[in-house]
């Protein structure tokens, strides 16, 4: 009878440890998922600002390319003015 009681106590302790382990594992994953979303919320304004700077930079680069093309056509660099004669 004493062996049965001791065995029962050990099984109850093992089950309690399993419950705590499951609870801690769930808390661990909730913490990781929460930190992922929280860090995204924290970093989101920086990503938006970076996207804004990128789009403005791309627009400025496009404008520079257009102006450079206009300057080239104004000075006639697009045409071949000099031809080499080989005789």
C-alpha atoms as a PDB file:
ATOM      1  CA  UNK A   1       0.000   0.000   0.000  1.00  0.00           C
ATOM      2  CA  UNK A   2       2.853   2.349   0.782  1.00  0.00           C
ATOM      3  CA  UNK A   3       4.387   1.763  -2.650  1.00  0.00           C
ATOM      4  CA  UNK A   4       1.098   2.634  -4.333  1.00  0.00           C
ATOM      5  CA  UNK A   5       0.784   5.880  -2.386  1.00  0.00           C
ATOM      6  CA  UNK A   6       4.348   6.885  -3.212  1.00  0.00           C
ATOM      7  CA  UNK A   7       3.820   5.976  -6.866  1.00  0.00           C
ATOM      8  CA  UNK A   8       0.617   8.026  -6.949  1.00  0.00           C
ATOM      9  CA  UNK A   9       2.410  11.083  -5.464  1.00  0.00           C
ATOM     10  CA  UNK A  10       5.198  10.788  -8.029  1.00  0.00           C
ATOM     11  CA  UNK A  11       2.686  10.557 -10.879  1.00  0.00           C
ATOM     12  CA  UNK A  12       0.842  13.625  -9.598  1.00  0.00           C
ATOM     13  CA  UNK A  13       4.122  15.562  -9.393  1.00  0.00           C
ATOM     14  CA  UNK A  14       5.081  14.478 -12.901  1.00  0.00           C
ATOM     15  CA  UNK A  15       1.701  15.582 -14.227  1.00  0.00           C
ATOM     16  CA  UNK A  16       2.009  18.946 -12.452  1.00  0.00           C
ATOM     17  CA  UNK A  17       5.458  19.457 -13.974  1.00  0.00           C
ATOM     18  CA  UNK A  18       4.034  18.627 -17.417  1.00  0.00           C
ATOM     19  CA  UNK A  19       1.278  21.224 -16.957  1.00  0.00           C
ATOM     20  CA  UNK A  20       3.799  23.865 -15.915  1.00  0.00           C
ATOM     21  CA  UNK A  21       6.012  22.967 -18.865  1.00  0.00           C
ATOM     22  CA  UNK A  22       3.093  23.273 -21.281  1.00  0.00           C
ATOM     23  CA  UNK A  23       2.079  26.622 -19.756  1.00  0.00           C
ATOM     24  CA  UNK A  24       5.645  27.934 -19.967  1.00  0.00           C
ATOM     25  CA  UNK A  25       5.984  26.732 -23.563  1.00  0.00           C
ATOM     26  CA  UNK A  26       2.749  28.544 -24.492  1.00  0.00           C
ATOM     27  CA  UNK A  27       3.945  31.680 -22.691  1.00  0.00           C
ATOM     28  CA  UNK A  28       7.293  31.428 -24.508  1.00  0.00           C
ATOM     29  CA  UNK A  29       5.655  31.305 -27.939  1.00  0.00           C
ATOM     30  CA  UNK A  30       3.190  34.068 -27.089  1.00  0.00           C
ATOM     31  CA  UNK A  31       6.128  36.204 -26.007  1.00  0.00           C
ATOM     32  CA  UNK A  32       8.024  35.517 -29.238  1.00  0.00           C
ATOM     33  CA  UNK A  33       4.974  36.267 -31.414  1.00  0.00           C
ATOM     34  CA  UNK A  34       4.191  39.371 -29.370  1.00  0.00           C
ATOM     35  CA  UNK A  35       7.750  40.632 -29.700  1.00  0.00           C
ATOM     36  CA  UNK A  36       7.669  40.063 -33.448  1.00  0.00           C
ATOM     37  CA  UNK A  37       4.506  42.127 -33.855  1.00  0.00           C
ATOM     38  CA  UNK A  38       5.708  44.700 -31.346  1.00  0.00           C
ATOM     39  CA  UNK A  39       9.017  45.160 -33.109  1.00  0.00           C
ATOM     40  CA  UNK A  40       7.199  45.542 -36.436  1.00  0.00           C
ATOM     41  CA  UNK A  41       4.983  48.219 -34.856  1.00  0.00           C
ATOM     42  CA  UNK A  42       8.108  49.961 -33.535  1.00  0.00           C
ATOM     43  CA  UNK A  43      10.052  49.760 -36.825  1.00  0.00           C
ATOM     44  CA  UNK A  44       7.116  50.504 -39.156  1.00  0.00           C
ATOM     45  CA  UNK A  45       7.593  54.326 -39.168  1.00  0.00           C
ATOM     46  CA  UNK A  46      11.227  53.875 -40.181  1.00  0.00           C
ATOM     47  CA  UNK A  47      10.248  51.565 -43.055  1.00  0.00           C
ATOM     48  CA  UNK A  48       7.637  54.070 -44.213  1.00  0.00           C
ATOM     49  CA  UNK A  49      10.199  56.870 -44.113  1.00  0.00           C
ATOM     50  CA  UNK A  50      12.713  54.733 -46.007  1.00  0.00           C
ATOM     51  CA  UNK A  51      10.113  53.929 -48.659  1.00  0.00           C
ATOM     52  CA  UNK A  52       9.266  57.614 -48.991  1.00  0.00           C
ATOM     53  CA  UNK A  53      12.936  58.560 -49.404  1.00  0.00           C
ATOM     54  CA  UNK A  54      13.399  55.786 -51.988  1.00  0.00           C
ATOM     55  CA  UNK A  55      10.432  56.906 -54.087  1.00  0.00           C
ATOM     56  CA  UNK A  56      11.538  60.544 -53.920  1.00  0.00           C
ATOM     57  CA  UNK A  57      15.077  59.545 -54.871  1.00  0.00           C
ATOM     58  CA  UNK A  58      13.805  57.501 -57.808  1.00  0.00           C
ATOM     59  CA  UNK A  59      11.710  60.443 -58.986  1.00  0.00           C
ATOM     60  CA  UNK A  60      14.694  62.784 -58.646  1.00  0.00           C
ATOM     61  CA  UNK A  61      16.909  60.369 -60.547  1.00  0.00           C
ATOM     62  CA  UNK A  62      14.336  60.170 -63.326  1.00  0.00           C
ATOM     63  CA  UNK A  63      14.226  63.979 -63.480  1.00  0.00           C
ATOM     64  CA  UNK A  64      18.026  64.140 -63.614  1.00  0.00           C
ATOM     65  CA  UNK A  65      18.096  61.611 -66.451  1.00  0.00           C
ATOM     66  CA  UNK A  66      15.521  63.618 -68.387  1.00  0.00           C
ATOM     67  CA  UNK A  67      17.420  66.871 -67.870  1.00  0.00           C
ATOM     68  CA  UNK A  68      20.711  65.260 -68.868  1.00  0.00           C
ATOM     69  CA  UNK A  69      19.054  63.931 -72.023  1.00  0.00           C
ATOM     70  CA  UNK A  70      17.725  67.419 -72.764  1.00  0.00           C
ATOM     71  CA  UNK A  71      21.184  68.922 -72.293  1.00  0.00           C
ATOM     72  CA  UNK A  72      22.720  66.331 -74.595  1.00  0.00           C
ATOM     73  CA  UNK A  73      20.169  66.990 -77.287  1.00  0.00           C
ATOM     74  CA  UNK A  74      20.646  70.763 -76.871  1.00  0.00           C
ATOM     75  CA  UNK A  75      24.385  70.512 -77.456  1.00  0.00           C
ATOM     76  CA  UNK A  76      23.978  67.912 -80.177  1.00  0.00           C
ATOM     77  CA  UNK A  77      25.862  65.159 -78.374  1.00  0.00           C
ATOM     78  CA  UNK A  78      23.315  62.626 -79.508  1.00  0.00           C
ATOM     79  CA  UNK A  79      24.344  63.090 -83.137  1.00  0.00           C
ATOM     80  CA  UNK A  80      27.649  62.095 -84.610  1.00  0.00           C
ATOM     81  CA  UNK A  81      29.063  65.480 -85.713  1.00  0.00           C
ATOM     82  CA  UNK A  82      32.578  64.307 -86.379  1.00  0.00           C
ATOM     83  CA  UNK A  83      33.218  61.600 -88.895  1.00  0.00           C
ATOM     84  CA  UNK A  84      36.612  60.091 -89.360  1.00  0.00           C
ATOM     85  CA  UNK A  85      37.732  59.813 -92.929  1.00  0.00           C
ATOM     86  CA  UNK A  86      40.006  56.989 -93.825  1.00  0.00           C
ATOM     87  CA  UNK A  87      41.416  57.030 -97.308  1.00  0.00           C
END
